[in-house]
Amino acid sequence: MSGGKVKWVAAFAHGGNDVEPSQSGMTLRDYFAAASIQGLRSNPHAWAEMTASEMVEAAWRDADAMIEAREATS
């Protein structure tokens, strides 16, 4: 992780806002991490070079980077 606090944003929001979300469940960070790990796990080279734990850590780093880039452009 980047070390900074990542703002809570719902991936599939149903009302509410970024400060007081009205729904629980998957966050945008969870959604981005899921997309990242899906790509890593579908890559046979990643399987040869990374452990499952390393893939998970990479997926969270990717998710945090995507959120930081998203916040920088909004």
PDB file of N, CA and C in Angstrom:
ATOM      1  N   MET A   1       0.820  -1.183   0.000  1.00  0.00           N
ATOM      2  CA  MET A   1       0.000   0.000   0.000  1.00  0.00           C
ATOM      3  C   MET A   1       0.863   1.245   0.000  1.00  0.00           C
ATOM      4  N   SER A   2       0.270   2.315  -0.394  1.00  0.00           N
ATOM      5  CA  SER A   2       0.997   3.571  -0.492  1.00  0.00           C
ATOM      6  C   SER A   2       1.308   4.170   0.871  1.00  0.00           C
ATOM      7  N   GLY A   3       0.672   3.694   1.917  1.00  0.00           N
ATOM      8  CA  GLY A   3       0.910   4.227   3.245  1.00  0.00           C
ATOM      9  C   GLY A   3      -0.101   5.286   3.635  1.00  0.00           C
ATOM     10  N   GLY A   4      -0.780   5.888   2.661  1.00  0.00           N
ATOM     11  CA  GLY A   4      -1.795   6.882   2.964  1.00  0.00           C
ATOM     12  C   GLY A   4      -3.143   6.233   3.205  1.00  0.00           C
ATOM     13  N   LYS A   5      -4.044   6.977   3.800  1.00  0.00           N
ATOM     14  CA  LYS A   5      -5.384   6.460   4.054  1.00  0.00           C
ATOM     15  C   LYS A   5      -6.188   6.598   2.768  1.00  0.00           C
ATOM     16  N   VAL A   6      -6.766   5.494   2.326  1.00  0.00           N
ATOM     17  CA  VAL A   6      -7.555   5.489   1.112  1.00  0.00           C
ATOM     18  C   VAL A   6      -9.002   5.807   1.471  1.00  0.00           C
ATOM     19  N   LYS A   7      -9.598   6.747   0.755  1.00  0.00           N
ATOM     20  CA  LYS A   7     -10.975   7.146   1.009  1.00  0.00           C
ATOM     21  C   LYS A   7     -11.925   6.013   0.675  1.00  0.00           C
ATOM     22  N   TRP A   8     -12.927   5.791   1.513  1.00  0.00           N
ATOM     23  CA  TRP A   8     -13.922   4.750   1.279  1.00  0.00           C
ATOM     24  C   TRP A   8     -14.862   5.205   0.179  1.00  0.00           C
ATOM     25  N   VAL A   9     -14.930   4.436  -0.908  1.00  0.00           N
ATOM     26  CA  VAL A   9     -15.847   4.711  -2.013  1.00  0.00           C
ATOM     27  C   VAL A   9     -16.471   3.388  -2.404  1.00  0.00           C
ATOM     28  N   ALA A  10     -17.789   3.328  -2.459  1.00  0.00           N
ATOM     29  CA  ALA A  10     -18.480   2.098  -2.827  1.00  0.00           C
ATOM     30  C   ALA A  10     -18.350   1.838  -4.317  1.00  0.00           C
ATOM     31  N   ALA A  11     -18.146   0.578  -4.679  1.00  0.00           N
ATOM     32  CA  ALA A  11     -18.058   0.211  -6.088  1.00  0.00           C
ATOM     33  C   ALA A  11     -19.441   0.215  -6.725  1.00  0.00           C
ATOM     34  N   PHE A  12     -20.434  -0.209  -5.981  1.00  0.00           N
ATOM     35  CA  PHE A  12     -21.801  -0.295  -6.491  1.00  0.00           C
ATOM     36  C   PHE A  12     -22.716   0.460  -5.543  1.00  0.00           C
ATOM     37  N   ALA A  13     -22.570   1.762  -5.526  1.00  0.00           N
ATOM     38  CA  ALA A  13     -23.303   2.592  -4.566  1.00  0.00           C
ATOM     39  C   ALA A  13     -24.794   2.644  -4.873  1.00  0.00           C
ATOM     40  N   HIS A  14     -25.571   2.701  -3.809  1.00  0.00           N
ATOM     41  CA  HIS A  14     -27.028   2.853  -3.907  1.00  0.00           C
ATOM     42  C   HIS A  14     -27.426   3.994  -2.993  1.00  0.00           C
ATOM     43  N   GLY A  15     -27.145   5.202  -3.408  1.00  0.00           N
ATOM     44  CA  GLY A  15     -27.455   6.356  -2.576  1.00  0.00           C
ATOM     45  C   GLY A  15     -26.300   6.677  -1.654  1.00  0.00           C
ATOM     46  N   GLY A  16     -26.532   7.603  -0.749  1.00  0.00           N
ATOM     47  CA  GLY A  16     -25.472   8.012   0.165  1.00  0.00           C
ATOM     48  C   GLY A  16     -24.431   8.841  -0.560  1.00  0.00           C
ATOM     49  N   ASN A  17     -23.256   8.959   0.064  1.00  0.00           N
ATOM     50  CA  ASN A  17     -22.170   9.704  -0.550  1.00  0.00           C
ATOM     51  C   ASN A  17     -20.843   9.156  -0.044  1.00  0.00           C
ATOM     52  N   ASP A  18     -19.729   9.772  -0.459  1.00  0.00           N
ATOM     53  CA  ASP A  18     -18.400   9.276  -0.080  1.00  0.00           C
ATOM     54  C   ASP A  18     -18.138   9.396   1.414  1.00  0.00           C
ATOM     55  N   VAL A  19     -18.785  10.348   2.068  1.00  0.00           N
ATOM     56  CA  VAL A  19     -18.555  10.567   3.482  1.00  0.00           C
ATOM     57  C   VAL A  19     -19.387   9.598   4.322  1.00  0.00           C
ATOM     58  N   GLU A  20     -20.650   9.411   3.950  1.00  0.00           N
ATOM     59  CA  GLU A  20     -21.550   8.522   4.678  1.00  0.00           C
ATOM     60  C   GLU A  20     -22.228   7.579   3.689  1.00  0.00           C
ATOM     61  N   PRO A  21     -21.523   6.533   3.276  1.00  0.00           N
ATOM     62  CA  PRO A  21     -22.126   5.606   2.319  1.00  0.00           C
ATOM     63  C   PRO A  21     -23.331   4.903   2.928  1.00  0.00           C
ATOM     64  N   SER A  22     -24.353   4.668   2.112  1.00  0.00           N
ATOM     65  CA  SER A  22     -25.575   4.051   2.627  1.00  0.00           C
ATOM     66  C   SER A  22     -25.595   2.552   2.414  1.00  0.00           C
ATOM     67  N   GLN A  23     -24.627   2.008   1.726  1.00  0.00           N
ATOM     68  CA  GLN A  23     -24.617   0.565   1.507  1.00  0.00           C
ATOM     69  C   GLN A  23     -23.292  -0.020   1.936  1.00  0.00           C
ATOM     70  N   SER A  24     -23.330  -1.259   2.361  1.00  0.00           N
ATOM     71  CA  SER A  24     -22.097  -1.925   2.751  1.00  0.00           C
ATOM     72  C   SER A  24     -21.721  -2.926   1.666  1.00  0.00           C
ATOM     73  N   GLY A  25     -20.615  -3.582   1.850  1.00  0.00           N
ATOM     74  CA  GLY A  25     -20.192  -4.589   0.878  1.00  0.00           C
ATOM     75  C   GLY A  25     -18.929  -4.170   0.175  1.00  0.00           C
ATOM     76  N   MET A  26     -18.835  -4.464  -1.094  1.00  0.00           N
ATOM     77  CA  MET A  26     -17.629  -4.246  -1.870  1.00  0.00           C
ATOM     78  C   MET A  26     -17.332  -2.755  -2.037  1.00  0.00           C
ATOM     79  N   THR A  27     -16.108  -2.397  -1.697  1.00  0.00           N
ATOM     80  CA  THR A  27     -15.668  -1.024  -1.932  1.00  0.00           C
ATOM     81  C   THR A  27     -15.056  -0.931  -3.328  1.00  0.00           C
ATOM     82  N   LEU A  28     -14.801   0.279  -3.761  1.00  0.00           N
ATOM     83  CA  LEU A  28     -14.144   0.469  -5.044  1.00  0.00           C
ATOM     84  C   LEU A  28     -12.748  -0.149  -5.011  1.00  0.00           C
ATOM     85  N   ARG A  29     -12.079  -0.086  -3.859  1.00  0.00           N
ATOM     86  CA  ARG A  29     -10.761  -0.704  -3.711  1.00  0.00           C
ATOM     87  C   ARG A  29     -10.859  -2.219  -3.897  1.00  0.00           C
ATOM     88  N   ASP A  30     -11.882  -2.835  -3.290  1.00  0.00           N
ATOM     89  CA  ASP A  30     -12.093  -4.276  -3.470  1.00  0.00           C
ATOM     90  C   ASP A  30     -12.296  -4.611  -4.950  1.00  0.00           C
ATOM     91  N   TYR A  31     -13.096  -3.798  -5.624  1.00  0.00           N
ATOM     92  CA  TYR A  31     -13.407  -4.019  -7.033  1.00  0.00           C
ATOM     93  C   TYR A  31     -12.143  -3.932  -7.895  1.00  0.00           C
ATOM     94  N   PHE A  32     -11.336  -2.886  -7.657  1.00  0.00           N
ATOM     95  CA  PHE A  32     -10.097  -2.731  -8.415  1.00  0.00           C
ATOM     96  C   PHE A  32      -9.128  -3.875  -8.133  1.00  0.00           C
ATOM     97  N   ALA A  33      -9.027  -4.297  -6.864  1.00  0.00           N
ATOM     98  CA  ALA A  33      -8.137  -5.405  -6.516  1.00  0.00           C
ATOM     99  C   ALA A  33      -8.595  -6.698  -7.186  1.00  0.00           C
ATOM    100  N   ALA A  34      -9.904  -6.921  -7.229  1.00  0.00           N
ATOM    101  CA  ALA A  34     -10.431  -8.125  -7.882  1.00  0.00           C
ATOM    102  C   ALA A  34     -10.076  -8.132  -9.370  1.00  0.00           C
ATOM    103  N   ALA A  35     -10.206  -6.980 -10.011  1.00  0.00           N
ATOM    104  CA  ALA A  35      -9.860  -6.892 -11.433  1.00  0.00           C
ATOM    105  C   ALA A  35      -8.369  -7.150 -11.644  1.00  0.00           C
ATOM    106  N   SER A  36      -7.553  -6.595 -10.762  1.00  0.00           N
ATOM    107  CA  SER A  36      -6.111  -6.777 -10.880  1.00  0.00           C
ATOM    108  C   SER A  36      -5.712  -8.240 -10.693  1.00  0.00           C
ATOM    109  N   ILE A  37      -6.233  -8.879  -9.658  1.00  0.00           N
ATOM    110  CA  ILE A  37      -5.830 -10.264  -9.402  1.00  0.00           C
ATOM    111  C   ILE A  37      -6.367 -11.199 -10.474  1.00  0.00           C
ATOM    112  N   GLN A  38      -7.502 -10.861 -11.060  1.00  0.00           N
ATOM    113  CA  GLN A  38      -8.017 -11.676 -12.165  1.00  0.00           C
ATOM    114  C   GLN A  38      -7.028 -11.648 -13.330  1.00  0.00           C
ATOM    115  N   GLY A  39      -6.488 -10.460 -13.623  1.00  0.00           N
ATOM    116  CA  GLY A  39      -5.498 -10.361 -14.683  1.00  0.00           C
ATOM    117  C   GLY A  39      -4.213 -11.103 -14.345  1.00  0.00           C
ATOM    118  N   LEU A  40      -3.759 -10.953 -13.109  1.00  0.00           N
ATOM    119  CA  LEU A  40      -2.531 -11.651 -12.693  1.00  0.00           C
ATOM    120  C   LEU A  40      -2.705 -13.165 -12.764  1.00  0.00           C
ATOM    121  N   ARG A  41      -3.829 -13.663 -12.292  1.00  0.00           N
ATOM    122  CA  ARG A  41      -4.038 -15.108 -12.248  1.00  0.00           C
ATOM    123  C   ARG A  41      -4.254 -15.707 -13.637  1.00  0.00           C
ATOM    124  N   SER A  42      -4.655 -14.875 -14.586  1.00  0.00           N
ATOM    125  CA  SER A  42      -4.842 -15.387 -15.946  1.00  0.00           C
ATOM    126  C   SER A  42      -3.537 -15.380 -16.746  1.00  0.00           C
ATOM    127  N   ASN A  43      -2.481 -14.832 -16.154  1.00  0.00           N
ATOM    128  CA  ASN A  43      -1.192 -14.727 -16.827  1.00  0.00           C
ATOM    129  C   ASN A  43      -0.283 -15.884 -16.376  1.00  0.00           C
ATOM    130  N   PRO A  44       0.018 -16.834 -17.261  1.00  0.00           N
ATOM    131  CA  PRO A  44       0.854 -17.964 -16.852  1.00  0.00           C
ATOM    132  C   PRO A  44       2.257 -17.561 -16.392  1.00  0.00           C
ATOM    133  N   HIS A  45       2.776 -16.443 -16.887  1.00  0.00           N
ATOM    134  CA  HIS A  45       4.097 -15.975 -16.461  1.00  0.00           C
ATOM    135  C   HIS A  45       4.059 -15.520 -15.002  1.00  0.00           C
ATOM    136  N   ALA A  46       2.947 -14.902 -14.590  1.00  0.00           N
ATOM    137  CA  ALA A  46       2.822 -14.476 -13.194  1.00  0.00           C
ATOM    138  C   ALA A  46       2.818 -15.682 -12.275  1.00  0.00           C
ATOM    139  N   TRP A  47       2.149 -16.756 -12.686  1.00  0.00           N
ATOM    140  CA  TRP A  47       2.113 -17.977 -11.874  1.00  0.00           C
ATOM    141  C   TRP A  47       3.509 -18.532 -11.666  1.00  0.00           C
ATOM    142  N   ALA A  48       4.348 -18.419 -12.681  1.00  0.00           N
ATOM    143  CA  ALA A  48       5.710 -18.959 -12.592  1.00  0.00           C
ATOM    144  C   ALA A  48       6.611 -18.075 -11.735  1.00  0.00           C
ATOM    145  N   GLU A  49       6.292 -16.784 -11.646  1.00  0.00           N
ATOM    146  CA  GLU A  49       7.185 -15.836 -10.991  1.00  0.00           C
ATOM    147  C   GLU A  49       6.699 -15.334  -9.634  1.00  0.00           C
ATOM    148  N   MET A  50       5.419 -15.535  -9.307  1.00  0.00           N
ATOM    149  CA  MET A  50       4.867 -14.969  -8.080  1.00  0.00           C
ATOM    150  C   MET A  50       4.121 -16.030  -7.279  1.00  0.00           C
ATOM    151  N   THR A  51       4.191 -15.923  -5.969  1.00  0.00           N
ATOM    152  CA  THR A  51       3.356 -16.777  -5.123  1.00  0.00           C
ATOM    153  C   THR A  51       1.965 -16.163  -5.064  1.00  0.00           C
ATOM    154  N   ALA A  52       1.007 -16.916  -4.562  1.00  0.00           N
ATOM    155  CA  ALA A  52      -0.356 -16.394  -4.421  1.00  0.00           C
ATOM    156  C   ALA A  52      -0.371 -15.166  -3.513  1.00  0.00           C
ATOM    157  N   SER A  53       0.397 -15.214  -2.427  1.00  0.00           N
ATOM    158  CA  SER A  53       0.468 -14.069  -1.508  1.00  0.00           C
ATOM    159  C   SER A  53       1.040 -12.831  -2.194  1.00  0.00           C
ATOM    160  N   GLU A  54       2.044 -13.022  -3.028  1.00  0.00           N
ATOM    161  CA  GLU A  54       2.620 -11.894  -3.765  1.00  0.00           C
ATOM    162  C   GLU A  54       1.611 -11.314  -4.751  1.00  0.00           C
ATOM    163  N   MET A  55       0.805 -12.174  -5.368  1.00  0.00           N
ATOM    164  CA  MET A  55      -0.233 -11.681  -6.277  1.00  0.00           C
ATOM    165  C   MET A  55      -1.262 -10.844  -5.534  1.00  0.00           C
ATOM    166  N   VAL A  56      -1.643 -11.304  -4.346  1.00  0.00           N
ATOM    167  CA  VAL A  56      -2.616 -10.559  -3.540  1.00  0.00           C
ATOM    168  C   VAL A  56      -2.052  -9.192  -3.163  1.00  0.00           C
ATOM    169  N   GLU A  57      -0.814  -9.166  -2.704  1.00  0.00           N
ATOM    170  CA  GLU A  57      -0.178  -7.895  -2.348  1.00  0.00           C
ATOM    171  C   GLU A  57      -0.097  -6.968  -3.559  1.00  0.00           C
ATOM    172  N   ALA A  58       0.237  -7.517  -4.714  1.00  0.00           N
ATOM    173  CA  ALA A  58       0.304  -6.713  -5.944  1.00  0.00           C
ATOM    174  C   ALA A  58      -1.066  -6.167  -6.321  1.00  0.00           C
ATOM    175  N   ALA A  59      -2.098  -6.980  -6.131  1.00  0.00           N
ATOM    176  CA  ALA A  59      -3.455  -6.542  -6.462  1.00  0.00           C
ATOM    177  C   ALA A  59      -3.881  -5.366  -5.588  1.00  0.00           C
ATOM    178  N   TRP A  60      -3.555  -5.411  -4.279  1.00  0.00           N
ATOM    179  CA  TRP A  60      -3.893  -4.289  -3.392  1.00  0.00           C
ATOM    180  C   TRP A  60      -3.097  -3.047  -3.767  1.00  0.00           C
ATOM    181  N   ARG A  61      -1.826  -3.216  -4.123  1.00  0.00           N
ATOM    182  CA  ARG A  61      -1.026  -2.059  -4.564  1.00  0.00           C
ATOM    183  C   ARG A  61      -1.629  -1.454  -5.837  1.00  0.00           C
ATOM    184  N   ASP A  62      -2.021  -2.315  -6.780  1.00  0.00           N
ATOM    185  CA  ASP A  62      -2.647  -1.831  -8.014  1.00  0.00           C
ATOM    186  C   ASP A  62      -3.931  -1.060  -7.701  1.00  0.00           C
ATOM    187  N   ALA A  63      -4.746  -1.620  -6.808  1.00  0.00           N
ATOM    188  CA  ALA A  63      -6.014  -0.968  -6.448  1.00  0.00           C
ATOM    189  C   ALA A  63      -5.759   0.404  -5.841  1.00  0.00           C
ATOM    190  N   ASP A  64      -4.797   0.483  -4.925  1.00  0.00           N
ATOM    191  CA  ASP A  64      -4.482   1.771  -4.307  1.00  0.00           C
ATOM    192  C   ASP A  64      -3.979   2.776  -5.339  1.00  0.00           C
ATOM    193  N   ALA A  65      -3.166   2.313  -6.285  1.00  0.00           N
ATOM    194  CA  ALA A  65      -2.658   3.193  -7.332  1.00  0.00           C
ATOM    195  C   ALA A  65      -3.793   3.687  -8.222  1.00  0.00           C
ATOM    196  N   MET A  66      -4.750   2.821  -8.525  1.00  0.00           N
ATOM    197  CA  MET A  66      -5.886   3.229  -9.360  1.00  0.00           C
ATOM    198  C   MET A  66      -6.732   4.272  -8.644  1.00  0.00           C
ATOM    199  N   ILE A  67      -6.939   4.094  -7.347  1.00  0.00           N
ATOM    200  CA  ILE A  67      -7.726   5.077  -6.584  1.00  0.00           C
ATOM    201  C   ILE A  67      -6.991   6.398  -6.498  1.00  0.00           C
ATOM    202  N   GLU A  68      -5.687   6.354  -6.258  1.00  0.00           N
ATOM    203  CA  GLU A  68      -4.904   7.599  -6.195  1.00  0.00           C
ATOM    204  C   GLU A  68      -4.953   8.333  -7.529  1.00  0.00           C
ATOM    205  N   ALA A  69      -4.833   7.600  -8.639  1.00  0.00           N
ATOM    206  CA  ALA A  69      -4.904   8.230  -9.970  1.00  0.00           C
ATOM    207  C   ALA A  69      -6.295   8.801 -10.218  1.00  0.00           C
ATOM    208  N   ARG A  70      -7.311   8.100  -9.774  1.00  0.00           N
ATOM    209  CA  ARG A  70      -8.695   8.557  -9.941  1.00  0.00           C
ATOM    210  C   ARG A  70      -8.925   9.858  -9.172  1.00  0.00           C
ATOM    211  N   GLU A  71      -8.414   9.900  -7.931  1.00  0.00           N
ATOM    212  CA  GLU A  71      -8.589  11.109  -7.105  1.00  0.00           C
ATOM    213  C   GLU A  71      -7.777  12.278  -7.651  1.00  0.00           C
ATOM    214  N   ALA A  72      -6.640  11.999  -8.269  1.00  0.00           N
ATOM    215  CA  ALA A  72      -5.805  13.056  -8.818  1.00  0.00           C
ATOM    216  C   ALA A  72      -6.449  13.716 -10.030  1.00  0.00           C
ATOM    217  N   THR A  73      -7.306  12.992 -10.720  1.00  0.00           N
ATOM    218  CA  THR A  73      -7.937  13.531 -11.932  1.00  0.00           C
ATOM    219  C   THR A  73      -9.338  14.072 -11.674  1.00  0.00           C
ATOM    220  N   SER A  74      -9.838  13.932 -10.436  1.00  0.00           N
ATOM    221  CA  SER A  74     -11.196  14.437 -10.171  1.00  0.00           C
ATOM    222  C   SER A  74     -11.193  15.710  -9.388  1.00  0.00           C
TER     223      SER A  74
END
